[in-house]
Structure formats: C-alpha cells, structure tokens
Amino acid sequence: MTELRHRIILHAYVTEKSMDEMERQNKLEFVVDRRARRPEIKAAVEQTYQCKVAKITIKIVRTGKIATVRLAPGFSAEDIGGRAGVF
C-alpha cells in the first residue's frame, strides 16, 4: 500500500483559490492519478498525512484530475499543507 498511495497522490495543487480554501474552509487540493477513485484517494490521503477526510470532490481538467479534500474537524489543512509541500 505504501507505493500505491504514492502513485495515487501525484503532488499538491497550489493556486490562489486553493490557498484561500485552505485557510477558510479547511481544504487541500491534490493532483491525483486519473484512474483513482474517491475511496482510494481518501485512503491515500489519510495514510500519508495521518488525518481524517470528511469529503472529497473531483475535478477533471485537461491536464489531469484534481481532488479537493475537506478535512474533518480537529485537523488543520495548514499543518498538513506544510507537510505536503504547499509552503
């Protein structure tokens, strides 16, 4: 599973909008493998960053698939974003 979660989450997706969502709505955005589904993305994020995921929404864009992950209360998106390399 270790190598599988690294193939699902490719990297953090950082824009002005994603930074605003991180501060105000406790959300992070990741570019994920195009074949990954919500349960796989949720498991990969929870195992990689030791947090709980409340909800995942998916956007498919020309360059790939972007997963917006809302964290459960009690977990800070800013702390996890620091570990994910957003800052």
Protein backbone atom coordinates (compact mmCIF):
# COMPACT_ATOMS: atom_id res chain seq x y z
CA MET A 1 0.00 0.00 0.00
CA THR A 2 2.95 2.33 0.57
CA GLU A 3 3.86 2.51 -3.09
CA LEU A 4 0.20 2.57 -4.14
CA ARG A 5 -0.59 5.76 -2.21
CA HIS A 6 2.40 7.48 -3.79
CA ARG A 7 1.07 6.58 -7.22
CA ILE A 8 -2.40 7.96 -6.39
CA ILE A 9 -1.35 11.37 -4.99
CA LEU A 10 0.99 12.96 -7.51
CA HIS A 11 1.52 16.38 -5.88
CA ALA A 12 -0.22 19.28 -4.16
CA TYR A 13 -2.12 21.71 -6.41
CA VAL A 14 -1.41 25.28 -5.34
CA THR A 15 -3.30 28.33 -6.64
CA GLU A 16 -4.61 31.48 -5.00
CA LYS A 17 -8.03 29.89 -4.75
CA SER A 18 -6.67 26.70 -3.16
CA MET A 19 -4.70 28.75 -0.62
CA ASP A 20 -7.87 30.69 0.27
CA GLU A 21 -9.82 27.43 0.66
CA MET A 22 -7.05 26.05 2.86
CA GLU A 23 -7.34 28.99 5.26
CA ARG A 24 -11.11 29.48 5.27
CA GLN A 25 -12.67 26.06 4.57
CA ASN A 26 -10.02 23.57 5.77
CA LYS A 27 -9.50 22.14 2.25
CA LEU A 28 -6.47 20.93 0.31
CA GLU A 29 -6.14 20.20 -3.40
CA PHE A 30 -4.03 17.45 -4.94
CA VAL A 31 -3.32 16.35 -8.48
CA VAL A 32 -4.12 12.65 -8.47
CA ASP A 33 -3.87 9.73 -10.87
CA ARG A 34 -6.60 9.91 -13.48
CA ARG A 35 -7.74 6.33 -12.69
CA ALA A 36 -8.02 6.90 -8.91
CA ARG A 37 -11.48 6.88 -7.32
CA ARG A 38 -12.72 8.65 -4.21
CA PRO A 39 -12.22 5.77 -1.72
CA GLU A 40 -8.66 5.22 -2.98
CA ILE A 41 -7.84 8.94 -2.75
CA LYS A 42 -9.34 9.13 0.75
CA ALA A 43 -7.29 6.16 1.95
CA ALA A 44 -4.10 7.53 0.41
CA VAL A 45 -4.52 10.98 1.99
CA GLU A 46 -5.43 9.55 5.40
CA GLN A 47 -2.46 7.17 5.42
CA THR A 48 0.08 9.62 4.02
CA TYR A 49 -0.78 12.59 6.26
CA GLN A 50 -2.32 10.80 9.32
CA CYS A 51 -5.58 12.76 9.21
CA LYS A 52 -9.30 12.16 8.70
CA VAL A 53 -11.03 13.20 5.48
CA ALA A 54 -14.61 14.49 5.67
CA LYS A 55 -15.35 14.88 1.95
CA ILE A 56 -13.70 14.64 -1.46
CA THR A 57 -14.74 16.39 -4.64
CA ILE A 58 -13.16 15.68 -8.01
CA LYS A 59 -12.49 17.98 -10.96
CA ILE A 60 -11.31 16.57 -14.27
CA VAL A 61 -9.32 19.11 -16.26
CA ARG A 62 -7.34 18.87 -19.46
CA THR A 63 -4.09 18.23 -17.61
CA GLY A 64 -5.46 15.54 -15.27
CA LYS A 65 -7.61 15.01 -12.21
CA ILE A 66 -7.72 17.34 -9.20
CA ALA A 67 -9.10 16.16 -5.87
CA THR A 68 -10.32 18.74 -3.35
CA VAL A 69 -10.11 17.20 0.11
CA ARG A 70 -12.05 18.66 3.05
CA LEU A 71 -10.51 17.61 6.33
CA ALA A 72 -12.53 16.57 9.36
CA PRO A 73 -12.82 18.99 12.29
CA GLY A 74 -9.79 18.75 14.53
CA PHE A 75 -7.30 18.56 11.65
CA SER A 76 -5.68 21.68 10.21
CA ALA A 77 -5.25 21.99 6.45
CA GLU A 78 -2.43 24.49 7.02
CA ASP A 79 -0.43 21.98 9.09
CA ILE A 80 -0.95 19.20 6.57
CA GLY A 81 -0.27 21.59 3.71
CA GLY A 82 3.10 22.32 5.27
CA ARG A 83 3.90 18.61 5.28
CA ALA A 84 2.62 18.25 1.70
CA GLY A 85 4.99 20.93 0.44
CA VAL A 86 2.47 23.69 -0.20
CA PHE A 87 4.53 26.33 1.61
